[in-house]
N, C-alpha and C. Protein backbone atom coordinates (compact mmCIF):
# COMPACT_ATOMS: atom_id res chain seq x y z
N MET A 1 153.11 126.48 75.54
CA MET A 1 154.43 126.16 75.22
C MET A 1 154.57 125.96 73.75
N THR A 2 155.65 126.46 73.05
CA THR A 2 155.76 126.34 71.62
C THR A 2 156.23 124.93 71.30
N ARG A 3 155.57 124.33 70.33
CA ARG A 3 155.89 122.95 69.87
C ARG A 3 157.24 123.00 69.07
N PRO A 4 158.17 122.16 69.43
CA PRO A 4 159.46 122.20 68.59
C PRO A 4 159.16 121.73 67.19
N SER A 5 159.84 122.46 66.26
CA SER A 5 159.63 122.13 64.87
C SER A 5 160.36 120.86 64.54
N ARG A 6 159.92 120.17 63.51
CA ARG A 6 160.54 118.89 63.06
C ARG A 6 161.13 119.06 61.69
N VAL A 7 162.29 118.57 61.47
CA VAL A 7 162.89 118.63 60.20
C VAL A 7 162.26 117.70 59.20
N HIS A 8 161.72 118.21 58.06
CA HIS A 8 161.10 117.39 57.16
C HIS A 8 161.98 116.85 56.09
N THR A 9 161.78 115.60 55.65
CA THR A 9 162.64 115.12 54.55
C THR A 9 162.25 115.72 53.25
N ILE A 10 163.17 115.59 52.27
CA ILE A 10 162.84 116.15 50.93
C ILE A 10 161.59 115.50 50.31
N GLN A 11 161.39 114.25 50.57
CA GLN A 11 160.24 113.51 50.10
C GLN A 11 158.95 114.12 50.68
N GLU A 12 158.99 114.44 51.97
CA GLU A 12 157.83 115.00 52.60
C GLU A 12 157.56 116.42 52.07
N LEU A 13 158.61 117.22 51.85
CA LEU A 13 158.39 118.52 51.32
C LEU A 13 157.82 118.56 49.90
N GLU A 14 158.29 117.52 49.08
CA GLU A 14 157.81 117.34 47.74
C GLU A 14 156.30 116.96 47.79
N ALA A 15 155.92 116.07 48.72
CA ALA A 15 154.58 115.63 48.88
C ALA A 15 153.64 116.83 49.23
N ASP A 16 154.20 117.71 50.01
CA ASP A 16 153.35 118.91 50.39
C ASP A 16 153.15 119.84 49.27
N VAL A 17 154.15 120.00 48.37
CA VAL A 17 153.98 120.81 47.14
C VAL A 17 152.84 120.16 46.35
N ILE A 18 152.83 118.83 46.18
CA ILE A 18 151.79 118.13 45.39
C ILE A 18 150.42 118.36 46.03
N ALA A 19 150.44 118.19 47.35
CA ALA A 19 149.15 118.46 48.14
C ALA A 19 148.57 119.84 47.85
N SER A 20 149.43 120.80 47.78
CA SER A 20 148.91 122.25 47.60
C SER A 20 148.02 122.41 46.43
N ALA A 21 148.20 121.64 45.32
CA ALA A 21 147.36 121.71 44.18
C ALA A 21 145.99 121.22 44.52
N MET A 22 145.88 120.15 45.28
CA MET A 22 144.65 119.59 45.66
C MET A 22 143.84 120.47 46.67
N ARG A 23 144.66 121.15 47.58
CA ARG A 23 144.07 122.09 48.41
C ARG A 23 143.43 123.22 47.77
N GLN A 24 144.05 123.69 46.67
CA GLN A 24 143.45 124.79 45.89
C GLN A 24 142.13 124.37 45.20
N LYS A 25 142.07 123.03 44.84
CA LYS A 25 140.83 122.58 44.30
C LYS A 25 139.70 122.57 45.33
N LEU A 26 140.02 122.22 46.47
CA LEU A 26 139.04 122.12 47.65
C LEU A 26 138.64 123.52 48.04
N GLU A 27 139.61 124.42 48.02
CA GLU A 27 139.21 125.81 48.37
C GLU A 27 138.27 126.39 47.28
N ALA A 28 138.45 126.02 46.10
CA ALA A 28 137.55 126.52 45.02
C ALA A 28 136.22 125.85 45.16
N LEU A 29 136.26 124.56 45.52
CA LEU A 29 134.94 123.82 45.73
C LEU A 29 134.15 124.35 46.83
N SER A 30 134.86 124.87 47.92
CA SER A 30 134.14 125.40 49.04
C SER A 30 133.27 126.53 48.79
N VAL A 31 133.59 127.34 47.73
CA VAL A 31 132.84 128.44 47.43
C VAL A 31 131.41 128.04 46.87
N GLN A 32 131.43 127.01 46.04
CA GLN A 32 130.15 126.48 45.54
C GLN A 32 129.42 125.54 46.47
N ARG A 33 130.17 124.77 47.17
CA ARG A 33 129.64 123.73 48.09
C ARG A 33 130.32 123.78 49.37
N PRO A 34 129.87 124.64 50.25
CA PRO A 34 130.46 124.85 51.62
C PRO A 34 130.23 123.59 52.55
N LEU A 35 129.24 122.75 52.17
CA LEU A 35 128.95 121.52 52.93
C LEU A 35 128.18 120.50 52.08
N PHE A 36 128.08 119.25 52.59
CA PHE A 36 127.55 118.22 51.77
C PHE A 36 126.59 117.36 52.66
N HIS A 37 125.67 116.73 51.90
CA HIS A 37 124.67 115.91 52.71
C HIS A 37 125.31 114.60 53.17
N SER A 38 126.37 114.13 52.47
CA SER A 38 126.97 112.84 52.77
C SER A 38 128.29 112.76 52.05
N GLU A 39 129.08 111.68 52.41
CA GLU A 39 130.34 111.48 51.77
C GLU A 39 130.23 111.22 50.32
N ALA A 40 129.12 110.54 49.87
CA ALA A 40 128.90 110.33 48.42
C ALA A 40 128.64 111.66 47.72
N ASP A 41 127.85 112.58 48.40
CA ASP A 41 127.67 113.89 47.82
C ASP A 41 128.96 114.68 47.61
N PHE A 42 129.82 114.54 48.63
CA PHE A 42 131.16 115.24 48.53
C PHE A 42 131.92 114.54 47.32
N GLN A 43 131.86 113.24 47.22
CA GLN A 43 132.65 112.45 46.17
C GLN A 43 132.13 113.01 44.83
N HIS A 44 130.85 113.07 44.61
CA HIS A 44 130.33 113.43 43.27
C HIS A 44 130.69 114.94 42.99
N ALA A 45 130.57 115.75 44.00
CA ALA A 45 130.87 117.16 43.78
C ALA A 45 132.35 117.42 43.35
N LEU A 46 133.25 116.72 43.99
CA LEU A 46 134.69 116.91 43.65
C LEU A 46 134.92 116.29 42.29
N ALA A 47 134.34 115.20 42.01
CA ALA A 47 134.62 114.53 40.73
C ALA A 47 134.06 115.46 39.61
N TRP A 48 132.90 116.11 39.78
CA TRP A 48 132.29 116.94 38.73
C TRP A 48 133.23 118.25 38.58
N MET A 49 133.78 118.81 39.73
CA MET A 49 134.64 119.92 39.58
C MET A 49 135.96 119.60 38.81
N ILE A 50 136.51 118.41 39.00
CA ILE A 50 137.70 117.96 38.28
C ILE A 50 137.37 117.78 36.87
N HIS A 51 136.16 117.25 36.58
CA HIS A 51 135.80 117.05 35.18
C HIS A 51 135.60 118.34 34.42
N GLN A 52 135.09 119.39 35.19
CA GLN A 52 135.01 120.74 34.56
C GLN A 52 136.42 121.34 34.31
N ASP A 53 137.32 121.05 35.19
CA ASP A 53 138.70 121.60 35.08
C ASP A 53 139.46 120.93 33.94
N VAL A 54 139.36 119.64 33.79
CA VAL A 54 140.04 118.84 32.80
C VAL A 54 138.99 117.94 32.12
N PRO A 55 138.25 118.51 31.14
CA PRO A 55 137.09 117.81 30.55
C PRO A 55 137.47 116.43 29.85
N ASP A 56 138.71 116.26 29.41
CA ASP A 56 139.15 115.08 28.73
C ASP A 56 139.61 114.02 29.71
N SER A 57 139.58 114.28 31.04
CA SER A 57 139.96 113.28 31.96
C SER A 57 139.07 112.07 32.08
N LEU A 58 139.54 110.88 32.30
CA LEU A 58 138.75 109.77 32.62
C LEU A 58 138.43 109.69 34.10
N ILE A 59 137.29 109.68 34.48
CA ILE A 59 136.93 109.81 35.88
C ILE A 59 136.03 108.53 36.21
N ARG A 60 136.50 107.90 37.23
CA ARG A 60 135.71 106.71 37.72
C ARG A 60 135.55 106.78 39.24
N LEU A 61 134.25 106.52 39.65
CA LEU A 61 133.95 106.40 41.02
C LEU A 61 133.93 104.96 41.49
N GLU A 62 134.41 104.62 42.69
CA GLU A 62 134.41 103.32 43.22
C GLU A 62 135.04 102.30 42.33
N ARG A 63 136.21 102.66 41.76
CA ARG A 63 136.89 101.74 40.88
C ARG A 63 137.52 100.62 41.69
N PRO A 64 137.29 99.36 41.28
CA PRO A 64 137.80 98.24 42.01
C PRO A 64 139.23 97.87 41.71
N TYR A 65 140.01 97.50 42.72
CA TYR A 65 141.43 97.02 42.63
C TYR A 65 141.49 95.83 43.46
N ARG A 66 142.53 95.03 43.18
CA ARG A 66 142.81 93.86 43.98
C ARG A 66 144.02 94.13 44.81
N LEU A 67 143.83 94.17 46.18
CA LEU A 67 144.95 94.46 47.06
C LEU A 67 144.92 93.40 48.22
N ASP A 68 146.08 92.94 48.53
CA ASP A 68 146.23 91.95 49.70
C ASP A 68 145.14 90.84 49.57
N GLU A 69 144.95 90.31 48.39
CA GLU A 69 144.07 89.16 48.06
C GLU A 69 142.55 89.48 48.43
N ARG A 70 142.21 90.68 48.26
CA ARG A 70 140.81 91.09 48.40
C ARG A 70 140.43 92.23 47.50
N ASN A 71 139.26 92.52 47.24
CA ASN A 71 138.81 93.60 46.39
C ASN A 71 138.66 94.84 47.20
N VAL A 72 139.21 95.98 46.76
CA VAL A 72 139.03 97.25 47.39
C VAL A 72 138.51 98.26 46.38
N TYR A 73 137.79 99.25 46.82
CA TYR A 73 137.20 100.21 45.88
C TYR A 73 137.68 101.62 46.20
N LEU A 74 138.22 102.20 45.08
CA LEU A 74 138.73 103.58 45.19
C LEU A 74 137.74 104.56 45.05
N ASP A 75 137.66 105.55 45.92
CA ASP A 75 136.61 106.61 45.88
C ASP A 75 136.55 107.28 44.49
N LEU A 76 137.79 107.77 44.14
CA LEU A 76 137.86 108.48 42.88
C LEU A 76 139.16 108.10 42.08
N PHE A 77 139.01 107.77 40.78
CA PHE A 77 140.18 107.59 39.96
C PHE A 77 140.09 108.68 38.85
N ILE A 78 141.16 109.28 38.63
CA ILE A 78 141.33 110.44 37.59
C ILE A 78 142.49 110.03 36.59
N GLY A 79 142.11 109.81 35.43
CA GLY A 79 143.18 109.56 34.31
C GLY A 79 143.26 110.79 33.51
N GLU A 80 144.33 111.53 33.53
CA GLU A 80 144.42 112.65 32.78
C GLU A 80 145.10 112.39 31.40
N PRO A 81 144.82 113.25 30.41
CA PRO A 81 145.44 113.09 29.09
C PRO A 81 146.92 113.16 29.15
N SER A 82 147.48 113.79 30.13
CA SER A 82 148.86 113.87 30.20
C SER A 82 149.61 112.53 30.63
N GLY A 83 148.75 111.62 31.12
CA GLY A 83 149.29 110.30 31.53
C GLY A 83 149.27 110.20 33.09
N ARG A 84 149.01 111.27 33.75
CA ARG A 84 148.85 111.24 35.23
C ARG A 84 147.63 110.42 35.58
N LYS A 85 147.86 109.55 36.60
CA LYS A 85 146.76 108.72 37.09
C LYS A 85 146.69 109.02 38.60
N LEU A 86 145.55 109.61 39.06
CA LEU A 86 145.34 109.99 40.42
C LEU A 86 144.37 109.10 41.13
N ALA A 87 144.68 108.68 42.34
CA ALA A 87 143.75 108.03 43.19
C ALA A 87 143.42 108.85 44.46
N ILE A 88 142.18 109.01 44.71
CA ILE A 88 141.68 109.88 45.70
C ILE A 88 140.73 109.11 46.66
N GLU A 89 141.10 109.13 47.98
CA GLU A 89 140.21 108.62 49.04
C GLU A 89 139.59 109.77 49.86
N LEU A 90 138.38 109.69 50.13
CA LEU A 90 137.68 110.69 50.87
C LEU A 90 137.10 110.33 52.21
N LYS A 91 137.12 111.13 53.20
CA LYS A 91 136.35 110.96 54.43
C LYS A 91 135.59 112.19 54.71
N TYR A 92 134.30 112.11 55.01
CA TYR A 92 133.48 113.24 55.40
C TYR A 92 132.73 112.85 56.70
N LYS A 93 133.20 113.47 57.78
CA LYS A 93 132.71 113.16 59.13
C LYS A 93 132.09 114.38 59.66
N THR A 94 130.86 114.26 60.28
CA THR A 94 130.17 115.38 60.73
C THR A 94 129.68 115.26 62.17
N ARG A 95 129.43 116.36 62.81
CA ARG A 95 128.77 116.36 64.05
C ARG A 95 127.34 117.00 63.79
N GLU A 96 126.42 116.89 64.65
CA GLU A 96 125.02 117.29 64.35
C GLU A 96 124.93 118.82 64.06
N GLU A 97 124.13 119.19 62.98
CA GLU A 97 123.88 120.58 62.71
C GLU A 97 122.90 120.61 61.61
N ILE A 98 121.98 121.73 61.63
CA ILE A 98 121.15 121.95 60.56
C ILE A 98 121.63 123.28 59.97
N ALA A 99 121.84 123.30 58.68
CA ALA A 99 122.36 124.60 58.05
C ALA A 99 121.61 124.74 56.75
N ILE A 100 121.52 125.96 56.29
CA ILE A 100 120.88 126.34 55.02
C ILE A 100 121.90 126.94 54.17
N HIS A 101 122.02 126.41 52.87
CA HIS A 101 122.95 127.12 51.94
C HIS A 101 122.18 127.23 50.56
N ALA A 102 122.08 128.41 50.09
CA ALA A 102 121.38 128.73 48.77
C ALA A 102 120.02 128.05 48.78
N GLY A 103 119.29 128.24 49.90
CA GLY A 103 118.02 127.75 49.96
C GLY A 103 117.84 126.27 50.20
N GLU A 104 118.96 125.55 50.34
CA GLU A 104 118.88 124.10 50.50
C GLU A 104 119.19 123.70 51.96
N GLU A 105 118.42 122.92 52.52
CA GLU A 105 118.60 122.48 53.93
C GLU A 105 119.52 121.25 54.06
N PHE A 106 120.43 121.42 54.99
CA PHE A 106 121.33 120.27 55.25
C PHE A 106 121.19 119.80 56.69
N ARG A 107 120.84 118.66 56.89
CA ARG A 107 120.69 118.04 58.23
C ARG A 107 121.81 117.03 58.48
N LEU A 108 122.88 117.58 59.15
CA LEU A 108 123.97 116.68 59.38
C LEU A 108 123.86 115.92 60.69
N LYS A 109 124.29 114.67 60.62
CA LYS A 109 124.17 113.68 61.67
C LYS A 109 125.40 113.78 62.64
N ASN A 110 125.24 113.38 63.86
CA ASN A 110 126.39 113.28 64.77
C ASN A 110 126.91 111.87 64.56
N GLN A 111 127.96 111.77 63.81
CA GLN A 111 128.47 110.43 63.39
C GLN A 111 129.34 109.81 64.58
N GLY A 112 130.00 110.57 65.29
CA GLY A 112 130.80 110.02 66.39
C GLY A 112 131.82 108.98 65.91
N ALA A 113 132.20 108.08 66.81
CA ALA A 113 133.14 106.96 66.43
C ALA A 113 134.43 107.55 65.85
N GLN A 114 135.00 108.59 66.41
CA GLN A 114 136.12 109.31 65.91
C GLN A 114 137.30 108.33 65.80
N ASP A 115 137.46 107.47 66.79
CA ASP A 115 138.63 106.54 66.81
C ASP A 115 138.60 105.62 65.59
N LEU A 116 137.45 105.08 65.18
CA LEU A 116 137.39 104.28 64.03
C LEU A 116 137.57 105.11 62.73
N ALA A 117 137.06 106.34 62.74
CA ALA A 117 137.31 107.17 61.55
C ALA A 117 138.73 107.42 61.24
N ARG A 118 139.44 107.71 62.40
CA ARG A 118 140.91 108.00 62.21
C ARG A 118 141.61 106.72 61.68
N TYR A 119 141.29 105.57 62.20
CA TYR A 119 141.95 104.32 61.70
C TYR A 119 141.62 104.16 60.15
N ASP A 120 140.31 104.40 59.86
CA ASP A 120 139.97 104.15 58.44
C ASP A 120 140.60 105.08 57.51
N PHE A 121 140.85 106.33 57.93
CA PHE A 121 141.63 107.32 57.14
C PHE A 121 143.05 106.92 56.93
N LEU A 122 143.64 106.49 58.00
CA LEU A 122 145.07 105.99 57.86
C LEU A 122 145.18 104.68 57.02
N TRP A 123 144.11 103.82 57.11
CA TRP A 123 144.07 102.72 56.29
C TRP A 123 144.02 103.00 54.82
N ASP A 124 143.25 104.08 54.57
CA ASP A 124 143.23 104.58 53.15
C ASP A 124 144.57 105.08 52.72
N VAL A 125 145.24 105.68 53.56
CA VAL A 125 146.66 106.17 53.12
C VAL A 125 147.59 104.98 52.83
N ASN A 126 147.42 104.01 53.74
CA ASN A 126 148.25 102.74 53.46
C ASN A 126 147.85 102.15 52.13
N ARG A 127 146.57 102.09 51.80
CA ARG A 127 146.15 101.50 50.51
C ARG A 127 146.72 102.39 49.31
N LEU A 128 146.69 103.70 49.49
CA LEU A 128 147.16 104.57 48.43
C LEU A 128 148.65 104.37 48.25
N GLU A 129 149.32 104.16 49.32
CA GLU A 129 150.85 103.86 49.18
C GLU A 129 151.11 102.60 48.32
N LYS A 130 150.29 101.63 48.58
CA LYS A 130 150.44 100.37 47.82
C LYS A 130 150.14 100.50 46.36
N LEU A 131 149.09 101.26 46.11
CA LEU A 131 148.72 101.52 44.61
C LEU A 131 149.79 102.28 43.92
N VAL A 132 150.29 103.29 44.60
CA VAL A 132 151.43 104.01 44.01
C VAL A 132 152.64 103.17 43.77
N ASP A 133 153.02 102.39 44.77
CA ASP A 133 154.22 101.60 44.72
C ASP A 133 153.99 100.50 43.67
N ARG A 134 152.87 99.96 43.45
CA ARG A 134 152.74 99.05 42.34
C ARG A 134 152.57 99.56 40.95
N GLY A 135 152.55 100.96 40.90
CA GLY A 135 152.49 101.60 39.59
C GLY A 135 150.99 101.64 39.00
N GLU A 136 149.99 101.35 39.85
CA GLU A 136 148.63 101.41 39.38
C GLU A 136 148.24 102.91 39.12
N VAL A 137 148.79 103.77 39.98
CA VAL A 137 148.53 105.23 39.93
C VAL A 137 149.84 105.90 40.11
N THR A 138 149.93 107.20 39.60
CA THR A 138 151.13 107.94 39.78
C THR A 138 151.19 108.73 41.03
N GLU A 139 150.07 109.01 41.56
CA GLU A 139 149.99 109.71 42.86
C GLU A 139 148.66 109.53 43.56
N GLY A 140 148.60 109.68 44.84
CA GLY A 140 147.39 109.46 45.60
C GLY A 140 147.14 110.64 46.53
N TYR A 141 145.86 110.82 46.89
CA TYR A 141 145.40 111.84 47.81
C TYR A 141 144.42 111.31 48.92
N ALA A 142 144.73 111.48 50.09
CA ALA A 142 143.74 111.23 51.20
C ALA A 142 143.22 112.50 51.71
N ILE A 143 141.90 112.67 51.64
CA ILE A 143 141.30 113.89 52.00
C ILE A 143 140.29 113.67 53.14
N PHE A 144 140.39 114.45 54.20
CA PHE A 144 139.51 114.39 55.29
C PHE A 144 138.77 115.75 55.52
N LEU A 145 137.42 115.76 55.44
CA LEU A 145 136.69 117.00 55.66
C LEU A 145 135.71 116.75 56.79
N THR A 146 135.69 117.67 57.73
CA THR A 146 134.92 117.54 58.86
C THR A 146 134.51 118.84 59.56
N ASN A 147 133.43 118.83 60.28
CA ASN A 147 133.10 119.95 61.12
C ASN A 147 133.17 119.62 62.68
N ASP A 148 133.84 118.48 62.91
CA ASP A 148 134.01 117.93 64.29
C ASP A 148 135.48 118.32 64.76
N PRO A 149 135.58 119.25 65.64
CA PRO A 149 136.91 119.63 66.19
C PRO A 149 137.73 118.57 66.82
N ALA A 150 137.05 117.49 67.21
CA ALA A 150 137.71 116.32 67.87
C ALA A 150 138.86 115.80 66.99
N TYR A 151 138.73 116.04 65.70
CA TYR A 151 139.78 115.51 64.77
C TYR A 151 141.03 116.47 64.69
N TRP A 152 140.82 117.77 64.75
CA TRP A 152 141.96 118.62 64.63
C TRP A 152 142.50 119.25 65.94
N VAL A 153 141.76 119.16 67.05
CA VAL A 153 142.24 119.67 68.33
C VAL A 153 142.98 118.60 68.98
N GLU A 154 144.16 119.02 69.61
CA GLU A 154 145.04 118.01 70.32
C GLU A 154 144.29 117.59 71.60
N PRO A 155 144.17 116.37 71.90
CA PRO A 155 143.51 115.94 73.15
C PRO A 155 144.43 116.23 74.34
N LYS A 156 143.67 116.32 75.50
CA LYS A 156 144.38 116.54 76.81
C LYS A 156 145.06 115.25 77.24
N SER A 157 144.41 114.12 76.95
CA SER A 157 144.93 112.84 77.46
C SER A 157 145.50 112.06 76.27
N THR A 158 146.59 111.39 76.52
CA THR A 158 147.18 110.49 75.53
C THR A 158 146.89 109.02 75.89
N GLU A 159 146.23 108.79 77.02
CA GLU A 159 145.92 107.46 77.45
C GLU A 159 144.59 106.94 76.84
N THR A 160 144.59 106.88 75.47
CA THR A 160 143.48 106.40 74.80
C THR A 160 143.92 105.28 73.83
N ILE A 161 142.97 104.39 73.46
CA ILE A 161 143.33 103.30 72.71
C ILE A 161 143.79 103.67 71.32
N ASP A 162 143.27 104.85 70.84
CA ASP A 162 143.48 105.35 69.46
C ASP A 162 144.59 106.41 69.40
N ALA A 163 145.45 106.51 70.48
CA ALA A 163 146.38 107.57 70.53
C ALA A 163 147.41 107.59 69.42
N GLN A 164 147.72 106.46 68.83
CA GLN A 164 148.65 106.40 67.71
C GLN A 164 148.05 106.86 66.43
N PHE A 165 146.67 106.83 66.36
CA PHE A 165 146.02 107.22 65.18
C PHE A 165 145.46 108.59 65.08
N ARG A 166 145.80 109.44 66.19
CA ARG A 166 145.44 110.79 66.32
C ARG A 166 145.85 111.65 65.12
N LEU A 167 145.00 112.62 64.66
CA LEU A 167 145.32 113.40 63.42
C LEU A 167 145.26 114.87 63.77
N HIS A 168 145.36 115.23 65.09
CA HIS A 168 145.27 116.72 65.51
C HIS A 168 146.38 117.57 64.83
N GLU A 169 146.17 118.83 64.80
CA GLU A 169 147.03 119.78 64.12
C GLU A 169 148.50 119.64 64.56
N GLY A 170 149.36 119.52 63.64
CA GLY A 170 150.76 119.48 63.86
C GLY A 170 151.35 118.08 64.20
N ARG A 171 150.48 117.06 64.18
CA ARG A 171 150.87 115.73 64.48
C ARG A 171 151.58 115.21 63.19
N ASN A 172 152.72 114.34 63.56
CA ASN A 172 153.43 113.74 62.42
C ASN A 172 153.28 112.21 62.63
N LEU A 173 152.97 111.54 61.51
CA LEU A 173 152.75 110.10 61.62
C LEU A 173 153.60 109.39 60.55
N ARG A 174 154.15 108.26 60.98
CA ARG A 174 154.99 107.43 60.15
C ARG A 174 155.21 106.06 60.78
N GLY A 175 155.43 105.05 60.01
CA GLY A 175 155.74 103.70 60.47
C GLY A 175 154.58 102.95 60.99
N LYS A 176 154.75 102.10 61.98
CA LYS A 176 153.72 101.13 62.47
C LYS A 176 152.86 101.88 63.48
N LEU A 177 151.46 101.82 63.21
CA LEU A 177 150.52 102.47 64.13
C LEU A 177 149.55 101.33 64.58
N ALA A 178 149.31 101.33 65.90
CA ALA A 178 148.40 100.21 66.39
C ALA A 178 147.57 100.74 67.53
N TRP A 179 146.56 100.05 67.84
CA TRP A 179 145.73 100.27 69.04
C TRP A 179 146.53 100.11 70.34
N GLN A 180 146.29 100.96 71.27
CA GLN A 180 147.03 100.81 72.56
C GLN A 180 146.19 100.05 73.57
N GLY A 181 146.84 99.32 74.41
CA GLY A 181 146.17 98.48 75.43
C GLY A 181 145.38 97.43 74.81
N GLU A 182 144.25 97.10 75.47
CA GLU A 182 143.41 96.06 74.99
C GLU A 182 142.01 96.53 74.76
N PRO A 183 141.63 96.83 73.48
CA PRO A 183 140.29 97.34 73.14
C PRO A 183 139.29 96.40 73.58
N LYS A 184 138.10 96.83 74.01
CA LYS A 184 137.03 95.95 74.35
C LYS A 184 136.59 95.10 73.11
N SER A 185 136.24 93.83 73.40
CA SER A 185 135.75 92.98 72.40
C SER A 185 134.75 93.55 71.53
N GLY A 186 134.99 93.53 70.15
CA GLY A 186 134.05 94.03 69.16
C GLY A 186 134.10 95.54 68.91
N THR A 187 134.78 96.28 69.70
CA THR A 187 134.83 97.76 69.45
C THR A 187 135.72 98.08 68.18
N VAL A 188 136.68 97.28 67.87
CA VAL A 188 137.52 97.55 66.74
C VAL A 188 137.43 96.35 65.77
N LYS A 189 136.30 95.62 65.74
CA LYS A 189 136.11 94.51 64.86
C LYS A 189 136.38 94.89 63.41
N GLY A 190 137.22 94.06 62.74
CA GLY A 190 137.58 94.32 61.34
C GLY A 190 138.67 95.37 61.19
N ARG A 191 139.11 95.88 62.26
CA ARG A 191 140.22 96.92 62.21
C ARG A 191 141.34 96.54 63.23
N GLU A 192 141.52 95.26 63.49
CA GLU A 192 142.55 94.86 64.46
C GLU A 192 143.99 95.05 63.94
N VAL A 193 144.14 94.90 62.60
CA VAL A 193 145.50 94.86 61.97
C VAL A 193 146.15 96.21 62.14
N PRO A 194 147.46 96.29 62.64
CA PRO A 194 148.14 97.57 62.77
C PRO A 194 148.35 98.18 61.31
N ILE A 195 148.50 99.44 61.22
CA ILE A 195 148.69 100.16 59.95
C ILE A 195 150.12 100.57 59.91
N VAL A 196 150.79 100.27 58.69
CA VAL A 196 152.19 100.75 58.45
C VAL A 196 152.20 101.74 57.41
N LEU A 197 152.78 102.93 57.68
CA LEU A 197 152.96 104.02 56.71
C LEU A 197 154.40 104.13 56.37
N ARG A 198 154.78 103.93 55.04
CA ARG A 198 156.11 103.91 54.61
C ARG A 198 156.70 105.38 54.57
N SER A 199 155.86 106.30 54.40
CA SER A 199 156.27 107.78 54.42
C SER A 199 155.77 108.48 55.58
N GLY A 200 156.29 109.68 55.81
CA GLY A 200 155.81 110.54 56.91
C GLY A 200 154.80 111.54 56.43
N TYR A 201 153.87 111.79 57.29
CA TYR A 201 152.76 112.75 56.98
C TYR A 201 152.47 113.67 58.18
N SER A 202 152.29 114.92 57.87
CA SER A 202 152.09 115.92 58.93
C SER A 202 150.65 116.54 58.80
N SER A 203 149.92 116.69 59.99
CA SER A 203 148.61 117.12 59.92
C SER A 203 148.61 118.66 59.85
N ASP A 204 148.14 119.20 58.75
CA ASP A 204 148.02 120.57 58.44
C ASP A 204 146.64 120.97 58.08
N TRP A 205 145.77 121.17 59.07
CA TRP A 205 144.31 121.41 58.76
C TRP A 205 144.15 122.76 58.24
N ARG A 206 143.28 122.88 57.22
CA ARG A 206 142.97 124.18 56.59
C ARG A 206 141.54 124.55 56.66
N ASN A 207 141.19 125.77 56.82
CA ASN A 207 139.81 126.18 56.82
C ASN A 207 139.01 125.84 55.54
N TYR A 208 137.83 125.35 55.68
CA TYR A 208 137.01 125.01 54.35
C TYR A 208 135.91 126.02 54.30
N SER A 209 135.02 126.07 55.38
CA SER A 209 133.87 126.85 55.30
C SER A 209 133.23 126.95 56.73
N LYS A 210 132.27 127.92 56.74
CA LYS A 210 131.52 128.01 58.02
C LYS A 210 130.06 128.37 57.59
N PRO A 211 129.35 127.36 57.14
CA PRO A 211 128.01 127.57 56.64
C PRO A 211 126.89 127.75 57.74
N GLY A 212 127.25 127.36 58.91
CA GLY A 212 126.25 127.47 59.99
C GLY A 212 127.02 127.78 61.25
N LYS A 213 126.68 127.18 62.38
CA LYS A 213 127.35 127.45 63.64
C LYS A 213 128.72 126.89 63.76
N SER A 214 128.96 125.73 63.07
CA SER A 214 130.22 125.13 63.17
C SER A 214 131.01 125.35 61.93
N GLU A 215 132.37 125.22 61.97
CA GLU A 215 133.21 125.36 60.87
C GLU A 215 133.69 124.10 60.39
N PHE A 216 133.98 124.03 59.07
CA PHE A 216 134.51 122.89 58.41
C PHE A 216 136.08 123.08 58.26
N ARG A 217 136.77 122.10 58.46
CA ARG A 217 138.27 122.13 58.11
C ARG A 217 138.57 120.84 57.31
N PHE A 218 139.62 120.90 56.52
CA PHE A 218 140.09 119.71 55.75
C PHE A 218 141.57 119.49 55.85
N LEU A 219 141.88 118.21 55.61
CA LEU A 219 143.29 117.80 55.66
C LEU A 219 143.50 117.06 54.44
N VAL A 220 144.68 117.31 53.73
CA VAL A 220 145.03 116.68 52.54
C VAL A 220 146.44 116.06 52.71
N TRP A 221 146.59 114.81 52.48
CA TRP A 221 147.89 114.22 52.37
C TRP A 221 148.10 113.63 51.04
N ALA A 222 149.29 113.95 50.48
CA ALA A 222 149.68 113.40 49.19
C ALA A 222 150.62 112.20 49.22
N VAL A 223 150.32 111.34 48.46
CA VAL A 223 151.20 110.01 48.42
C VAL A 223 151.77 109.91 47.04
N ASP A 224 153.12 109.92 47.07
CA ASP A 224 153.92 109.70 45.79
C ASP A 224 154.88 108.57 45.92
N ARG A 225 155.60 108.37 44.92
CA ARG A 225 156.65 107.20 44.99
C ARG A 225 157.64 107.44 46.04
N ASN A 226 158.01 106.34 46.65
CA ASN A 226 158.99 106.34 47.68
C ASN A 226 160.38 106.58 47.15
């Protein structure tokens, strides 16, 4: 059955245009680095590519900010000579695979815990919205790279505790998102607080690479001023 299309707001369409530039960067990166050993490896590779594209940029990894009365650390901060200030949050989630690229062996772990990873990605988006709204940065990007289809394939059942956090292809998210039902004690420890997204975001997964048996796909959401 064909999924009915949703009318997007002007703000959402503008955010998609902004996101397209970051998608192009990731597509270029995929040629040199089709996969990574870890999220930190992904973080450094993207930072280095941006540095090569704009050598005069100020690039900082794990830059600290004060949000909601606690310290948070931004994966990547890019200060361009033009005055643009970009905040980037990354997620790199894998399922088990051994792959070889350019003579280098990659042993990827089966990370699992997809429900917590979805929550954490959306929490990153919420933090980026706050940084943009405060004027700390001019725009933000939340990037999710994975070879686990559980993230982009629509589940058959909606009766799961993380149903509101699902990121599958074509899903639209906005507003208050919370765990459903009563999660078992300790399973969502530290992640009990509902997430509120002030803007709307649509899951548009793109092909990244296929270095081994599994394929990698990525999702980019752009965050700009409300």
